[in-house]
Amino acid sequence: MSRIALITGITGQDGSYLADLLLKQGYEVHGTSRRAEGAQCLHFPHLRDRVRMHQLDLRDESRLTALLQDIQPTEIYHLAAETFVPESWVRPVESSDITALGTARLLEAARQANPSIRVFQANSSHIFGQPEHAPQNEDTPLSPRSPYAAAKAYAHWMVRCYREHHGMFACSGILYNHESPWRGASFVSRKISLAAAKIKLGQQDKLELANLDSRRDWGFAGDYVQAMWLTLQHAEPHDFVIATGIQHSVREMAQIAFETVGLNASENVVVRENPALRDQTANMVGDASRAREMLGWAPTVNFMELMQMMVRADLERLSGAEAMM
């Protein structure tokens, strides 16, 4: 039987890693983007002739239903959402419409097109808010603290509703922070890796950061999409926390980044305290025991390797751009 996968929001960081994995597994891969960008926006050039792209706004229910009926996917990986938490405070209604109701529309469209479609919903550790206990697992109470987190919590519960009420193979992956060389520049990991490369090349003077002691559970996006795929290959649908189980600080991240290019972080980082950016994730660390036991999943790239990978990729890109000037 032909395996057909649809990846919503394929142009984001995770989309290219997931498309690459699925193509290697022999899938026919389709991807959606809200803008008419086409396959040229995929990060890996070798994917651009192999992924079938479709323009889709998750607020357009009729278009979504028609697309699923046309493609008839066997698996859907729902990655499309507002991904930058501060932006959800700027546009809370639009963000919620896309992230929360967009998931509800997708689940209903999948049920109508073919209730046997397997659906993976990419959720976020932000649904736990500021938990009292660490680490967090699949049974940790939800306590969202932003429009983004509230929308993701709604999506998480809708997946459970469709799984229990309609018997669909619908699963949530509760994903902790995961990074790669394709992470957006607004995220602190990429802000640091890009600055280290630019400062090494003389393209930037200093890097400004607000809180060096902020801590996160950071993993590699390539590992996390492997967990997404394994989730839909399991015999029964379950929700899974996907995390490394280890926290690291922004200070450590900066130290590794600058050491990778032979510089000292303390000489190149300026701290500008910003009370509005106070850390609210001090207790956030995931327990991925269920994924390890049931899926056989485990991270393969550690924190140091991840940051070195990101800095070297930025250095290579920037060096190449200089050579073309």
C-alpha atoms as a PDB file:
ATOM      1  CA  MET A   1       0.000   0.000   0.000  1.00  0.00           C
ATOM      2  CA  SER A   2       1.310   3.450  -0.928  1.00  0.00           C
ATOM      3  CA  ARG A   3       2.067   5.651   2.060  1.00  0.00           C
ATOM      4  CA  ILE A   4       1.118   9.294   1.567  1.00  0.00           C
ATOM      5  CA  ALA A   5       2.040  11.945   4.114  1.00  0.00           C
ATOM      6  CA  LEU A   6       0.802  15.508   4.431  1.00  0.00           C
ATOM      7  CA  ILE A   7       2.917  17.944   6.433  1.00  0.00           C
ATOM      8  CA  THR A   8       1.181  21.202   7.302  1.00  0.00           C
ATOM      9  CA  GLY A   9       3.533  24.111   7.903  1.00  0.00           C
ATOM     10  CA  ILE A  10       6.279  22.295   6.039  1.00  0.00           C
ATOM     11  CA  THR A  11       8.315  25.475   5.480  1.00  0.00           C
ATOM     12  CA  GLY A  12       9.222  25.731   9.167  1.00  0.00           C
ATOM     13  CA  GLN A  13      12.296  24.268  10.823  1.00  0.00           C
ATOM     14  CA  ASP A  14      10.800  20.828  11.453  1.00  0.00           C
ATOM     15  CA  GLY A  15       9.148  20.475   8.055  1.00  0.00           C
ATOM     16  CA  SER A  16      12.293  19.905   6.011  1.00  0.00           C
ATOM     17  CA  TYR A  17      13.751  17.426   8.498  1.00  0.00           C
ATOM     18  CA  LEU A  18      10.478  15.507   8.562  1.00  0.00           C
ATOM     19  CA  ALA A  19      10.052  15.547   4.766  1.00  0.00           C
ATOM     20  CA  ASP A  20      13.574  14.208   4.356  1.00  0.00           C
ATOM     21  CA  LEU A  21      12.880  11.396   6.822  1.00  0.00           C
ATOM     22  CA  LEU A  22       9.589  10.430   5.189  1.00  0.00           C
ATOM     23  CA  LEU A  23      11.015  10.428   1.665  1.00  0.00           C
ATOM     24  CA  LYS A  24      13.777   8.091   2.837  1.00  0.00           C
ATOM     25  CA  GLN A  25      11.038   5.833   4.213  1.00  0.00           C
ATOM     26  CA  GLY A  26       9.394   5.691   0.777  1.00  0.00           C
ATOM     27  CA  TYR A  27       6.476   8.068   1.341  1.00  0.00           C
ATOM     28  CA  GLU A  28       4.834  10.321  -1.199  1.00  0.00           C
ATOM     29  CA  VAL A  29       5.134  13.667   0.609  1.00  0.00           C
ATOM     30  CA  HIS A  30       2.838  16.664   0.333  1.00  0.00           C
ATOM     31  CA  GLY A  31       3.344  19.932   2.183  1.00  0.00           C
ATOM     32  CA  THR A  32       1.300  23.035   2.865  1.00  0.00           C
ATOM     33  CA  SER A  33       2.216  26.673   3.346  1.00  0.00           C
ATOM     34  CA  ARG A  34      -0.046  29.618   4.034  1.00  0.00           C
ATOM     35  CA  ARG A  35       1.816  31.670   1.435  1.00  0.00           C
ATOM     36  CA  ALA A  36       2.279  30.757  -2.222  1.00  0.00           C
ATOM     37  CA  GLU A  37       5.971  30.064  -1.723  1.00  0.00           C
ATOM     38  CA  GLY A  38       6.310  26.729  -3.470  1.00  0.00           C
ATOM     39  CA  ALA A  39       8.889  24.053  -2.804  1.00  0.00           C
ATOM     40  CA  GLN A  40      11.773  26.511  -3.240  1.00  0.00           C
ATOM     41  CA  CYS A  41      11.200  27.611   0.360  1.00  0.00           C
ATOM     42  CA  LEU A  42      12.155  24.186   1.720  1.00  0.00           C
ATOM     43  CA  HIS A  43      15.470  24.310   3.523  1.00  0.00           C
ATOM     44  CA  PHE A  44      17.063  21.248   1.899  1.00  0.00           C
ATOM     45  CA  PRO A  45      17.559  21.694  -1.879  1.00  0.00           C
ATOM     46  CA  HIS A  46      17.230  17.970  -2.588  1.00  0.00           C
ATOM     47  CA  LEU A  47      13.622  18.065  -1.351  1.00  0.00           C
ATOM     48  CA  ARG A  48      12.402  20.720  -3.731  1.00  0.00           C
ATOM     49  CA  ASP A  49      11.705  18.454  -6.677  1.00  0.00           C
ATOM     50  CA  ARG A  50      10.272  15.671  -4.542  1.00  0.00           C
ATOM     51  CA  VAL A  51       7.720  17.359  -2.268  1.00  0.00           C
ATOM     52  CA  ARG A  52       4.332  18.357  -3.689  1.00  0.00           C
ATOM     53  CA  MET A  53       3.398  21.768  -2.320  1.00  0.00           C
ATOM     54  CA  HIS A  54      -0.078  23.182  -1.697  1.00  0.00           C
ATOM     55  CA  GLN A  55      -1.132  26.630  -0.540  1.00  0.00           C
ATOM     56  CA  LEU A  56      -3.415  26.387   2.494  1.00  0.00           C
ATOM     57  CA  ASP A  57      -4.768  28.767   5.107  1.00  0.00           C
ATOM     58  CA  LEU A  58      -5.994  26.739   8.085  1.00  0.00           C
ATOM     59  CA  ARG A  59      -8.874  29.185   8.489  1.00  0.00           C
ATOM     60  CA  ASP A  60     -10.276  28.044   5.117  1.00  0.00           C
ATOM     61  CA  GLU A  61     -12.263  24.971   6.149  1.00  0.00           C
ATOM     62  CA  SER A  62     -13.621  24.136   2.691  1.00  0.00           C
ATOM     63  CA  ARG A  63     -10.178  24.300   1.106  1.00  0.00           C
ATOM     64  CA  LEU A  64      -8.756  22.082   3.853  1.00  0.00           C
ATOM     65  CA  THR A  65     -11.490  19.479   3.428  1.00  0.00           C
ATOM     66  CA  ALA A  66     -11.093  19.468  -0.363  1.00  0.00           C
ATOM     67  CA  LEU A  67      -7.310  19.096  -0.089  1.00  0.00           C
ATOM     68  CA  LEU A  68      -7.534  16.049   2.177  1.00  0.00           C
ATOM     69  CA  GLN A  69     -10.140  14.431  -0.022  1.00  0.00           C
ATOM     70  CA  ASP A  70      -7.916  15.034  -3.056  1.00  0.00           C
ATOM     71  CA  ILE A  71      -4.615  13.837  -1.536  1.00  0.00           C
ATOM     72  CA  GLN A  72      -6.082  11.037   0.608  1.00  0.00           C
ATOM     73  CA  PRO A  73      -3.080  10.946   2.965  1.00  0.00           C
ATOM     74  CA  THR A  74      -2.434   7.949   5.162  1.00  0.00           C
ATOM     75  CA  GLU A  75      -0.649  10.164   7.719  1.00  0.00           C
ATOM     76  CA  ILE A  76      -0.895  13.864   8.606  1.00  0.00           C
ATOM     77  CA  TYR A  77       1.801  15.716  10.533  1.00  0.00           C
ATOM     78  CA  HIS A  78       0.248  18.947  11.737  1.00  0.00           C
ATOM     79  CA  LEU A  79       3.115  21.378  12.301  1.00  0.00           C
ATOM     80  CA  ALA A  80       1.436  24.603  11.153  1.00  0.00           C
ATOM     81  CA  ALA A  81       0.931  27.124  13.963  1.00  0.00           C
ATOM     82  CA  GLU A  82       2.084  30.421  15.346  1.00  0.00           C
ATOM     83  CA  THR A  83       5.529  29.448  16.672  1.00  0.00           C
ATOM     84  CA  PHE A  84       6.858  32.582  18.397  1.00  0.00           C
ATOM     85  CA  VAL A  85       5.222  33.029  21.803  1.00  0.00           C
ATOM     86  CA  PRO A  86       5.570  36.855  22.072  1.00  0.00           C
ATOM     87  CA  GLU A  87       3.818  37.237  18.710  1.00  0.00           C
ATOM     88  CA  SER A  88       0.738  35.524  20.132  1.00  0.00           C
ATOM     89  CA  TRP A  89       0.325  38.457  22.538  1.00  0.00           C
ATOM     90  CA  VAL A  90       0.440  40.890  19.602  1.00  0.00           C
ATOM     91  CA  ARG A  91      -2.165  38.984  17.564  1.00  0.00           C
ATOM     92  CA  PRO A  92      -3.982  36.781  20.115  1.00  0.00           C
ATOM     93  CA  VAL A  93      -7.187  36.254  18.120  1.00  0.00           C
ATOM     94  CA  GLU A  94      -5.499  35.405  14.824  1.00  0.00           C
ATOM     95  CA  SER A  95      -2.932  33.239  16.603  1.00  0.00           C
ATOM     96  CA  SER A  96      -5.678  31.305  18.379  1.00  0.00           C
ATOM     97  CA  ASP A  97      -7.713  30.907  15.201  1.00  0.00           C
ATOM     98  CA  ILE A  98      -4.769  29.331  13.385  1.00  0.00           C
ATOM     99  CA  THR A  99      -3.281  27.276  16.206  1.00  0.00           C
ATOM    100  CA  ALA A 100      -6.378  26.165  18.113  1.00  0.00           C
ATOM    101  CA  LEU A 101      -9.282  26.208  15.672  1.00  0.00           C
ATOM    102  CA  GLY A 102      -6.964  25.271  12.801  1.00  0.00           C
ATOM    103  CA  THR A 103      -6.315  21.990  14.571  1.00  0.00           C
ATOM    104  CA  ALA A 104     -10.031  21.403  15.122  1.00  0.00           C
ATOM    105  CA  ARG A 105     -10.700  22.051  11.430  1.00  0.00           C
ATOM    106  CA  LEU A 106      -7.955  19.661  10.418  1.00  0.00           C
ATOM    107  CA  LEU A 107      -9.179  16.864  12.688  1.00  0.00           C
ATOM    108  CA  GLU A 108     -12.730  17.211  11.398  1.00  0.00           C
ATOM    109  CA  ALA A 109     -11.577  17.367   7.768  1.00  0.00           C
ATOM    110  CA  ALA A 110      -9.499  14.218   8.329  1.00  0.00           C
ATOM    111  CA  ARG A 111     -12.470  12.446   9.904  1.00  0.00           C
ATOM    112  CA  GLN A 112     -14.673  13.330   6.950  1.00  0.00           C
ATOM    113  CA  ALA A 113     -12.073  12.434   4.328  1.00  0.00           C
ATOM    114  CA  ASN A 114     -11.066   9.129   5.909  1.00  0.00           C
ATOM    115  CA  PRO A 115     -11.295   8.408   9.649  1.00  0.00           C
ATOM    116  CA  SER A 116      -8.436   5.908   9.362  1.00  0.00           C
ATOM    117  CA  ILE A 117      -5.935   8.704   8.618  1.00  0.00           C
ATOM    118  CA  ARG A 118      -3.290   8.853  11.345  1.00  0.00           C
ATOM    119  CA  VAL A 119      -2.781  12.373  12.696  1.00  0.00           C
ATOM    120  CA  PHE A 120       0.174  13.781  14.629  1.00  0.00           C
ATOM    121  CA  GLN A 121      -0.337  17.131  16.356  1.00  0.00           C
ATOM    122  CA  ALA A 122       2.836  19.056  17.212  1.00  0.00           C
ATOM    123  CA  ASN A 123       2.170  20.499  20.651  1.00  0.00           C
ATOM    124  CA  SER A 124       4.396  22.420  23.019  1.00  0.00           C
ATOM    125  CA  SER A 125       5.735  22.179  26.554  1.00  0.00           C
ATOM    126  CA  HIS A 126       4.257  25.668  27.030  1.00  0.00           C
ATOM    127  CA  ILE A 127       0.915  23.974  27.731  1.00  0.00           C
ATOM    128  CA  PHE A 128       2.306  23.169  31.204  1.00  0.00           C
ATOM    129  CA  GLY A 129       2.826  26.855  32.025  1.00  0.00           C
ATOM    130  CA  GLN A 130       4.945  27.152  35.172  1.00  0.00           C
ATOM    131  CA  PRO A 131       4.664  23.662  36.667  1.00  0.00           C
ATOM    132  CA  GLU A 132       5.297  23.085  40.365  1.00  0.00           C
ATOM    133  CA  HIS A 133       7.070  19.798  39.784  1.00  0.00           C
ATOM    134  CA  ALA A 134       9.835  18.649  37.460  1.00  0.00           C
ATOM    135  CA  PRO A 135      10.278  16.821  35.250  1.00  0.00           C
ATOM    136  CA  GLN A 136       6.942  16.961  33.456  1.00  0.00           C
ATOM    137  CA  ASN A 137       5.312  13.966  31.787  1.00  0.00           C
ATOM    138  CA  GLU A 138       2.097  13.190  29.924  1.00  0.00           C
ATOM    139  CA  ASP A 139       0.073  13.375  33.160  1.00  0.00           C
ATOM    140  CA  THR A 140       1.287  16.818  34.256  1.00  0.00           C
ATOM    141  CA  PRO A 141      -1.677  19.245  34.580  1.00  0.00           C
ATOM    142  CA  LEU A 142      -1.998  21.843  31.850  1.00  0.00           C
ATOM    143  CA  SER A 143      -1.658  25.483  32.943  1.00  0.00           C
ATOM    144  CA  PRO A 144      -1.030  27.679  29.870  1.00  0.00           C
ATOM    145  CA  ARG A 145       0.231  31.236  30.472  1.00  0.00           C
ATOM    146  CA  SER A 146       0.043  32.834  27.004  1.00  0.00           C
ATOM    147  CA  PRO A 147      -2.354  32.925  24.035  1.00  0.00           C
ATOM    148  CA  TYR A 148       0.057  30.587  22.222  1.00  0.00           C
ATOM    149  CA  ALA A 149       0.078  28.098  25.094  1.00  0.00           C
ATOM    150  CA  ALA A 150      -3.705  28.289  25.543  1.00  0.00           C
ATOM    151  CA  ALA A 151      -4.209  27.589  21.845  1.00  0.00           C
ATOM    152  CA  LYS A 152      -1.848  24.621  22.012  1.00  0.00           C
ATOM    153  CA  ALA A 153      -3.671  23.312  25.099  1.00  0.00           C
ATOM    154  CA  TYR A 154      -6.958  23.485  23.181  1.00  0.00           C
ATOM    155  CA  ALA A 155      -5.356  21.604  20.283  1.00  0.00           C
ATOM    156  CA  HIS A 156      -4.017  18.983  22.694  1.00  0.00           C
ATOM    157  CA  TRP A 157      -7.467  18.336  24.149  1.00  0.00           C
ATOM    158  CA  MET A 158      -9.141  18.286  20.725  1.00  0.00           C
ATOM    159  CA  VAL A 159      -6.771  15.521  19.649  1.00  0.00           C
ATOM    160  CA  ARG A 160      -7.785  13.554  22.712  1.00  0.00           C
ATOM    161  CA  CYS A 161     -11.482  14.207  22.034  1.00  0.00           C
ATOM    162  CA  TYR A 162     -11.253  12.923  18.459  1.00  0.00           C
ATOM    163  CA  ARG A 163      -9.230   9.908  19.582  1.00  0.00           C
ATOM    164  CA  GLU A 164     -11.662   8.929  22.336  1.00  0.00           C
ATOM    165  CA  HIS A 165     -14.985   9.939  20.776  1.00  0.00           C
ATOM    166  CA  HIS A 166     -14.392   9.082  17.112  1.00  0.00           C
ATOM    167  CA  GLY A 167     -11.776   6.360  17.596  1.00  0.00           C
ATOM    168  CA  MET A 168      -9.261   8.162  15.372  1.00  0.00           C
ATOM    169  CA  PHE A 169      -5.546   7.468  15.472  1.00  0.00           C
ATOM    170  CA  ALA A 170      -4.765  10.991  16.656  1.00  0.00           C
ATOM    171  CA  CYS A 171      -1.727  11.766  18.811  1.00  0.00           C
ATOM    172  CA  SER A 172      -0.080  14.769  20.405  1.00  0.00           C
ATOM    173  CA  GLY A 173       3.646  15.197  20.725  1.00  0.00           C
ATOM    174  CA  ILE A 174       4.420  17.534  23.631  1.00  0.00           C
ATOM    175  CA  LEU A 175       7.634  18.954  22.239  1.00  0.00           C
ATOM    176  CA  TYR A 176      10.196  20.747  24.359  1.00  0.00           C
ATOM    177  CA  ASN A 177      12.524  23.306  22.766  1.00  0.00           C
ATOM    178  CA  HIS A 178      14.265  21.869  19.741  1.00  0.00           C
ATOM    179  CA  GLU A 179      16.719  23.689  17.529  1.00  0.00           C
ATOM    180  CA  SER A 180      18.699  23.334  14.308  1.00  0.00           C
ATOM    181  CA  PRO A 181      20.630  25.446  11.801  1.00  0.00           C
ATOM    182  CA  TRP A 182      17.213  26.340  10.340  1.00  0.00           C
ATOM    183  CA  ARG A 183      15.777  27.795  13.545  1.00  0.00           C
ATOM    184  CA  GLY A 184      14.333  31.285  13.096  1.00  0.00           C
ATOM    185  CA  ALA A 185      16.666  34.162  14.000  1.00  0.00           C
ATOM    186  CA  SER A 186      14.195  35.479  16.603  1.00  0.00           C
ATOM    187  CA  PHE A 187      14.831  32.452  18.834  1.00  0.00           C
ATOM    188  CA  VAL A 188      17.676  32.759  21.328  1.00  0.00           C
ATOM    189  CA  SER A 189      19.594  29.691  20.120  1.00  0.00           C
ATOM    190  CA  ARG A 190      19.834  30.980  16.558  1.00  0.00           C
ATOM    191  CA  LYS A 191      20.380  34.549  17.723  1.00  0.00           C
ATOM    192  CA  ILE A 192      23.462  33.306  19.572  1.00  0.00           C
ATOM    193  CA  SER A 193      24.809  31.022  16.828  1.00  0.00           C
ATOM    194  CA  LEU A 194      24.359  33.730  14.194  1.00  0.00           C
ATOM    195  CA  ALA A 195      26.025  36.381  16.348  1.00  0.00           C
ATOM    196  CA  ALA A 196      29.017  34.155  17.102  1.00  0.00           C
ATOM    197  CA  ALA A 197      29.541  33.578  13.372  1.00  0.00           C
ATOM    198  CA  LYS A 198      29.068  37.269  12.494  1.00  0.00           C
ATOM    199  CA  ILE A 199      31.418  38.486  15.219  1.00  0.00           C
ATOM    200  CA  LYS A 200      34.049  35.983  14.085  1.00  0.00           C
ATOM    201  CA  LEU A 201      33.754  37.357  10.540  1.00  0.00           C
ATOM    202  CA  GLY A 202      33.791  40.976  11.681  1.00  0.00           C
ATOM    203  CA  GLN A 203      30.183  41.561  10.635  1.00  0.00           C
ATOM    204  CA  GLN A 204      28.875  42.324  14.144  1.00  0.00           C
ATOM    205  CA  ASP A 205      30.364  43.992  17.203  1.00  0.00           C
ATOM    206  CA  LYS A 206      28.625  42.537  20.264  1.00  0.00           C
ATOM    207  CA  LEU A 207      25.743  40.226  21.144  1.00  0.00           C
ATOM    208  CA  GLU A 208      23.079  41.583  23.517  1.00  0.00           C
ATOM    209  CA  LEU A 209      21.197  39.106  25.703  1.00  0.00           C
ATOM    210  CA  ALA A 210      18.660  39.737  28.454  1.00  0.00           C
ATOM    211  CA  ASN A 211      19.072  36.769  30.793  1.00  0.00           C
ATOM    212  CA  LEU A 212      22.070  34.462  30.761  1.00  0.00           C
ATOM    213  CA  ASP A 213      20.657  32.314  33.561  1.00  0.00           C
ATOM    214  CA  SER A 214      17.455  31.366  31.724  1.00  0.00           C
ATOM    215  CA  ARG A 215      17.325  27.585  31.362  1.00  0.00           C
ATOM    216  CA  ARG A 216      15.639  25.280  28.852  1.00  0.00           C
ATOM    217  CA  ASP A 217      15.410  21.629  27.866  1.00  0.00           C
ATOM    218  CA  TRP A 218      16.955  21.926  24.378  1.00  0.00           C
ATOM    219  CA  GLY A 219      17.144  19.161  21.768  1.00  0.00           C
ATOM    220  CA  PHE A 220      17.849  18.705  18.056  1.00  0.00           C
ATOM    221  CA  ALA A 221      14.963  19.093  15.591  1.00  0.00           C
ATOM    222  CA  GLY A 222      16.191  16.136  13.530  1.00  0.00           C
ATOM    223  CA  ASP A 223      15.765  13.872  16.554  1.00  0.00           C
ATOM    224  CA  TYR A 224      12.321  15.250  17.342  1.00  0.00           C
ATOM    225  CA  VAL A 225      10.859  14.585  13.895  1.00  0.00           C
ATOM    226  CA  GLN A 226      12.016  10.979  14.279  1.00  0.00           C
ATOM    227  CA  ALA A 227       9.807  10.826  17.379  1.00  0.00           C
ATOM    228  CA  MET A 228       6.892  12.265  15.366  1.00  0.00           C
ATOM    229  CA  TRP A 229       7.194   9.502  12.796  1.00  0.00           C
ATOM    230  CA  LEU A 230       7.582   6.756  15.399  1.00  0.00           C
ATOM    231  CA  THR A 231       4.440   8.011  17.152  1.00  0.00           C
ATOM    232  CA  LEU A 232       2.319   7.260  14.081  1.00  0.00           C
ATOM    233  CA  GLN A 233       3.971   3.872  13.534  1.00  0.00           C
ATOM    234  CA  HIS A 234       3.008   2.604  16.969  1.00  0.00           C
ATOM    235  CA  ALA A 235       0.263  -0.012  17.225  1.00  0.00           C
ATOM    236  CA  GLU A 236      -1.969   2.248  19.325  1.00  0.00           C
ATOM    237  CA  PRO A 237      -2.383   6.053  19.526  1.00  0.00           C
ATOM    238  CA  HIS A 238      -0.769   7.783  22.501  1.00  0.00           C
ATOM    239  CA  ASP A 239       0.447  11.233  23.450  1.00  0.00           C
ATOM    240  CA  PHE A 240       4.159  11.565  24.133  1.00  0.00           C
ATOM    241  CA  VAL A 241       6.463  14.060  25.811  1.00  0.00           C
ATOM    242  CA  ILE A 242       9.484  14.565  23.554  1.00  0.00           C
ATOM    243  CA  ALA A 243      12.443  16.022  25.451  1.00  0.00           C
ATOM    244  CA  THR A 244      16.050  15.410  26.435  1.00  0.00           C
ATOM    245  CA  GLY A 245      15.412  15.523  30.180  1.00  0.00           C
ATOM    246  CA  ILE A 246      18.390  17.862  30.676  1.00  0.00           C
ATOM    247  CA  GLN A 247      18.363  21.629  31.185  1.00  0.00           C
ATOM    248  CA  HIS A 248      21.036  24.042  30.030  1.00  0.00           C
ATOM    249  CA  SER A 249      21.381  27.798  30.464  1.00  0.00           C
ATOM    250  CA  VAL A 250      21.654  30.552  27.897  1.00  0.00           C
ATOM    251  CA  ARG A 251      25.084  31.224  29.413  1.00  0.00           C
ATOM    252  CA  GLU A 252      26.221  27.691  28.497  1.00  0.00           C
ATOM    253  CA  MET A 253      24.783  28.125  25.026  1.00  0.00           C
ATOM    254  CA  ALA A 254      26.756  31.339  24.472  1.00  0.00           C
ATOM    255  CA  GLN A 255      29.950  29.836  25.852  1.00  0.00           C
ATOM    256  CA  ILE A 256      29.797  26.865  23.484  1.00  0.00           C
ATOM    257  CA  ALA A 257      28.895  29.058  20.512  1.00  0.00           C
ATOM    258  CA  PHE A 258      31.810  31.451  20.953  1.00  0.00           C
ATOM    259  CA  GLU A 259      34.264  28.678  21.813  1.00  0.00           C
ATOM    260  CA  THR A 260      33.317  27.024  18.517  1.00  0.00           C
ATOM    261  CA  VAL A 261      34.711  30.041  16.635  1.00  0.00           C
ATOM    262  CA  GLY A 262      37.675  30.500  18.950  1.00  0.00           C
ATOM    263  CA  LEU A 263      36.285  33.471  20.878  1.00  0.00           C
ATOM    264  CA  ASN A 264      35.438  34.169  24.517  1.00  0.00           C
ATOM    265  CA  ALA A 265      31.741  34.714  25.274  1.00  0.00           C
ATOM    266  CA  SER A 266      32.433  37.024  28.222  1.00  0.00           C
ATOM    267  CA  GLU A 267      34.253  39.435  25.897  1.00  0.00           C
ATOM    268  CA  ASN A 268      31.523  39.462  23.257  1.00  0.00           C
ATOM    269  CA  VAL A 269      28.217  39.285  25.138  1.00  0.00           C
ATOM    270  CA  VAL A 270      26.553  42.340  26.677  1.00  0.00           C
ATOM    271  CA  VAL A 271      23.751  41.731  29.185  1.00  0.00           C
ATOM    272  CA  ARG A 272      20.828  44.164  28.981  1.00  0.00           C
ATOM    273  CA  GLU A 273      18.411  43.248  31.752  1.00  0.00           C
ATOM    274  CA  ASN A 274      14.786  43.311  30.649  1.00  0.00           C
ATOM    275  CA  PRO A 275      12.164  42.623  33.360  1.00  0.00           C
ATOM    276  CA  ALA A 276       9.590  41.920  30.653  1.00  0.00           C
ATOM    277  CA  LEU A 277      11.676  38.932  29.577  1.00  0.00           C
ATOM    278  CA  ARG A 278      11.961  37.357  33.020  1.00  0.00           C
ATOM    279  CA  ASP A 279      12.438  33.625  32.827  1.00  0.00           C
ATOM    280  CA  GLN A 280       9.245  31.650  33.326  1.00  0.00           C
ATOM    281  CA  THR A 281      10.656  28.248  32.436  1.00  0.00           C
ATOM    282  CA  ALA A 282      12.971  27.558  35.379  1.00  0.00           C
ATOM    283  CA  ASN A 283      11.137  24.325  36.174  1.00  0.00           C
ATOM    284  CA  MET A 284      10.567  23.217  32.570  1.00  0.00           C
ATOM    285  CA  VAL A 285      12.230  19.899  31.779  1.00  0.00           C
ATOM    286  CA  GLY A 286      10.605  16.925  30.112  1.00  0.00           C
ATOM    287  CA  ASP A 287      10.385  13.270  31.065  1.00  0.00           C
ATOM    288  CA  ALA A 288      10.355  11.288  27.810  1.00  0.00           C
ATOM    289  CA  SER A 289      10.264   7.878  29.524  1.00  0.00           C
ATOM    290  CA  ARG A 290       7.084   6.840  27.705  1.00  0.00           C
ATOM    291  CA  ALA A 291       8.607   7.644  24.306  1.00  0.00           C
ATOM    292  CA  ARG A 292      11.774   5.751  25.226  1.00  0.00           C
ATOM    293  CA  GLU A 293       9.876   2.680  26.441  1.00  0.00           C
ATOM    294  CA  MET A 294       7.070   2.512  23.873  1.00  0.00           C
ATOM    295  CA  LEU A 295       8.713   4.011  20.777  1.00  0.00           C
ATOM    296  CA  GLY A 296      12.359   3.156  21.395  1.00  0.00           C
ATOM    297  CA  TRP A 297      13.170   6.824  20.866  1.00  0.00           C
ATOM    298  CA  ALA A 298      16.123   8.679  22.352  1.00  0.00           C
ATOM    299  CA  PRO A 299      18.020  11.860  21.421  1.00  0.00           C
ATOM    300  CA  THR A 300      21.175  11.291  19.368  1.00  0.00           C
ATOM    301  CA  VAL A 301      22.601  14.838  19.359  1.00  0.00           C
ATOM    302  CA  ASN A 302      23.666  16.363  22.668  1.00  0.00           C
ATOM    303  CA  PHE A 303      23.564  20.042  23.630  1.00  0.00           C
ATOM    304  CA  MET A 304      27.189  20.805  22.789  1.00  0.00           C
ATOM    305  CA  GLU A 305      26.975  19.055  19.423  1.00  0.00           C
ATOM    306  CA  LEU A 306      23.779  20.948  18.643  1.00  0.00           C
ATOM    307  CA  MET A 307      25.263  24.381  19.276  1.00  0.00           C
ATOM    308  CA  GLN A 308      28.453  23.545  17.405  1.00  0.00           C
ATOM    309  CA  MET A 309      26.375  22.378  14.448  1.00  0.00           C
ATOM    310  CA  MET A 310      24.371  25.604  14.396  1.00  0.00           C
ATOM    311  CA  VAL A 311      27.387  27.904  14.657  1.00  0.00           C
ATOM    312  CA  ARG A 312      29.300  26.052  11.943  1.00  0.00           C
ATOM    313  CA  ALA A 313      26.309  26.165   9.627  1.00  0.00           C
ATOM    314  CA  ASP A 314      25.917  29.925  10.144  1.00  0.00           C
ATOM    315  CA  LEU A 315      29.638  30.450   9.669  1.00  0.00           C
ATOM    316  CA  GLU A 316      29.541  28.496   6.408  1.00  0.00           C
ATOM    317  CA  ARG A 317      26.505  30.394   5.116  1.00  0.00           C
ATOM    318  CA  LEU A 318      27.934  33.781   5.987  1.00  0.00           C
ATOM    319  CA  SER A 319      31.366  32.923   4.588  1.00  0.00           C
ATOM    320  CA  GLY A 320      29.726  31.805   1.351  1.00  0.00           C
ATOM    321  CA  ALA A 321      27.752  35.041   1.151  1.00  0.00           C
ATOM    322  CA  GLU A 322      30.948  37.038   1.620  1.00  0.00           C
ATOM    323  CA  ALA A 323      32.667  35.102  -1.153  1.00  0.00           C
ATOM    324  CA  MET A 324      29.826  35.940  -3.564  1.00  0.00           C
ATOM    325  CA  MET A 325      30.009  39.695  -2.908  1.00  0.00           C
END
